[in-house]
Amino acid sequence: MDARMIVLAPVDGDPRIQEFALRPLIITTIDRKGKIKKFLHIEKHEAACDLCRGLIALMRRKLGERTRGCAIIMNGRLVQIICRECRKRFWVWA
């Protein structure tokens, strides 16, 4: 059985997590012949909680307007970004 390592890291303290949270969303639609039909490139300017969709502060200076967030990292891969309230509600042991 594989051992899993779960880490909760504050979003506003790590520039790598901030960069990941703000990566653009790229959606590509391909037809049956394998040709690109549509290509959407959507820039993200804010991060949202994956559970409640509340806005998360990516930098400490924006903490007054938004809530603090945590990144859930499993085995070195970022899985979710959640707000402090959802962390307290669903990750009671953390």
Protein backbone atom coordinates (compact mmCIF):
# COMPACT_ATOMS: atom_id res chain seq x y z
CA MET A 1 0.00 0.00 0.00
CA ASP A 2 1.33 3.44 -0.90
CA ALA A 3 1.84 6.00 1.82
CA ARG A 4 0.26 9.34 1.05
CA MET A 5 1.58 12.61 2.30
CA ILE A 6 -0.96 15.43 2.70
CA VAL A 7 0.26 18.98 3.31
CA LEU A 8 -1.80 22.11 3.98
CA ALA A 9 0.16 25.19 2.90
CA PRO A 10 -0.97 28.83 3.24
CA VAL A 11 -1.63 30.33 -0.19
CA ASP A 12 -0.47 33.84 0.70
CA GLY A 13 2.96 32.64 1.85
CA ASP A 14 4.25 30.66 -1.14
CA PRO A 15 4.87 32.27 -4.57
CA ARG A 16 4.77 28.87 -6.32
CA ILE A 17 1.23 28.22 -5.08
CA GLN A 18 0.20 31.77 -6.06
CA GLU A 19 1.57 31.20 -9.57
CA PHE A 20 -0.32 27.89 -9.87
CA ALA A 21 -3.56 29.44 -8.63
CA LEU A 22 -3.37 32.19 -11.26
CA ARG A 23 -2.45 29.99 -14.24
CA PRO A 24 -4.77 30.65 -17.17
CA LEU A 25 -7.48 28.15 -17.99
CA ILE A 26 -7.07 26.73 -21.51
CA ILE A 27 -9.98 24.90 -23.14
CA THR A 28 -9.53 23.26 -26.53
CA THR A 29 -12.37 21.72 -28.55
CA ILE A 30 -11.35 19.18 -31.20
CA ASP A 31 -13.59 17.77 -33.93
CA ARG A 32 -13.72 14.12 -35.02
CA LYS A 33 -10.99 14.63 -37.60
CA GLY A 34 -8.58 15.82 -34.93
CA LYS A 35 -8.61 19.48 -35.96
CA ILE A 36 -8.92 22.25 -33.41
CA LYS A 37 -12.44 23.65 -33.54
CA LYS A 38 -12.29 26.18 -30.67
CA PHE A 39 -9.53 27.43 -28.42
CA LEU A 40 -10.28 29.47 -25.29
CA HIS A 41 -7.58 31.11 -23.18
CA ILE A 42 -9.09 32.51 -19.97
CA GLU A 43 -6.88 34.60 -17.69
CA LYS A 44 -7.53 34.33 -13.95
CA HIS A 45 -7.09 37.40 -11.77
CA GLU A 46 -8.40 35.95 -8.52
CA ALA A 47 -8.40 32.60 -6.74
CA ALA A 48 -11.60 31.00 -5.46
CA CYS A 49 -12.21 28.27 -2.90
CA ASP A 50 -12.85 24.95 -4.64
CA LEU A 51 -15.59 24.09 -2.15
CA CYS A 52 -17.61 27.28 -1.54
CA ARG A 53 -16.33 29.57 -4.37
CA GLY A 54 -15.38 32.32 -1.90
CA LEU A 55 -12.55 34.64 -2.93
CA ILE A 56 -9.12 33.89 -1.48
CA ALA A 57 -6.35 36.41 -0.83
CA LEU A 58 -3.22 35.50 -2.79
CA MET A 59 -1.10 38.19 -1.14
CA ARG A 60 -0.95 39.32 2.47
CA ARG A 61 -1.81 42.92 1.58
CA LYS A 62 -5.24 41.80 0.29
CA LEU A 63 -6.21 39.97 3.48
CA GLY A 64 -8.58 42.77 4.52
CA GLU A 65 -10.86 42.26 1.50
CA ARG A 66 -10.66 38.46 1.19
CA THR A 67 -10.22 35.42 3.37
CA ARG A 68 -7.03 33.48 3.90
CA GLY A 69 -6.66 30.21 1.99
CA CYS A 70 -4.80 26.92 2.11
CA ALA A 71 -3.52 24.71 -0.67
CA ILE A 72 -4.00 20.97 -0.23
CA ILE A 73 -0.94 19.17 -1.59
CA MET A 74 -0.93 15.37 -1.90
CA ASN A 75 2.29 13.59 -2.84
CA GLY A 76 3.81 16.79 -4.21
CA ARG A 77 0.80 17.73 -6.39
CA LEU A 78 -1.54 20.61 -5.65
CA VAL A 79 -5.05 19.12 -5.39
CA GLN A 80 -7.31 21.93 -4.11
CA ILE A 81 -7.28 25.47 -2.85
CA ILE A 82 -9.72 26.06 0.00
CA CYS A 83 -10.62 28.98 2.25
CA ARG A 84 -10.08 29.04 6.01
CA GLU A 85 -13.78 28.46 6.77
CA CYS A 86 -13.96 25.32 4.58
CA ARG A 87 -10.71 24.06 6.11
CA LYS A 88 -12.26 24.34 9.56
CA ARG A 89 -15.49 22.70 8.40
CA PHE A 90 -14.10 19.78 6.35
CA TRP A 91 -10.52 19.34 7.59
CA VAL A 92 -11.19 19.34 11.34
CA TRP A 93 -8.01 17.41 12.19
CA ALA A 94 -5.72 19.87 10.36
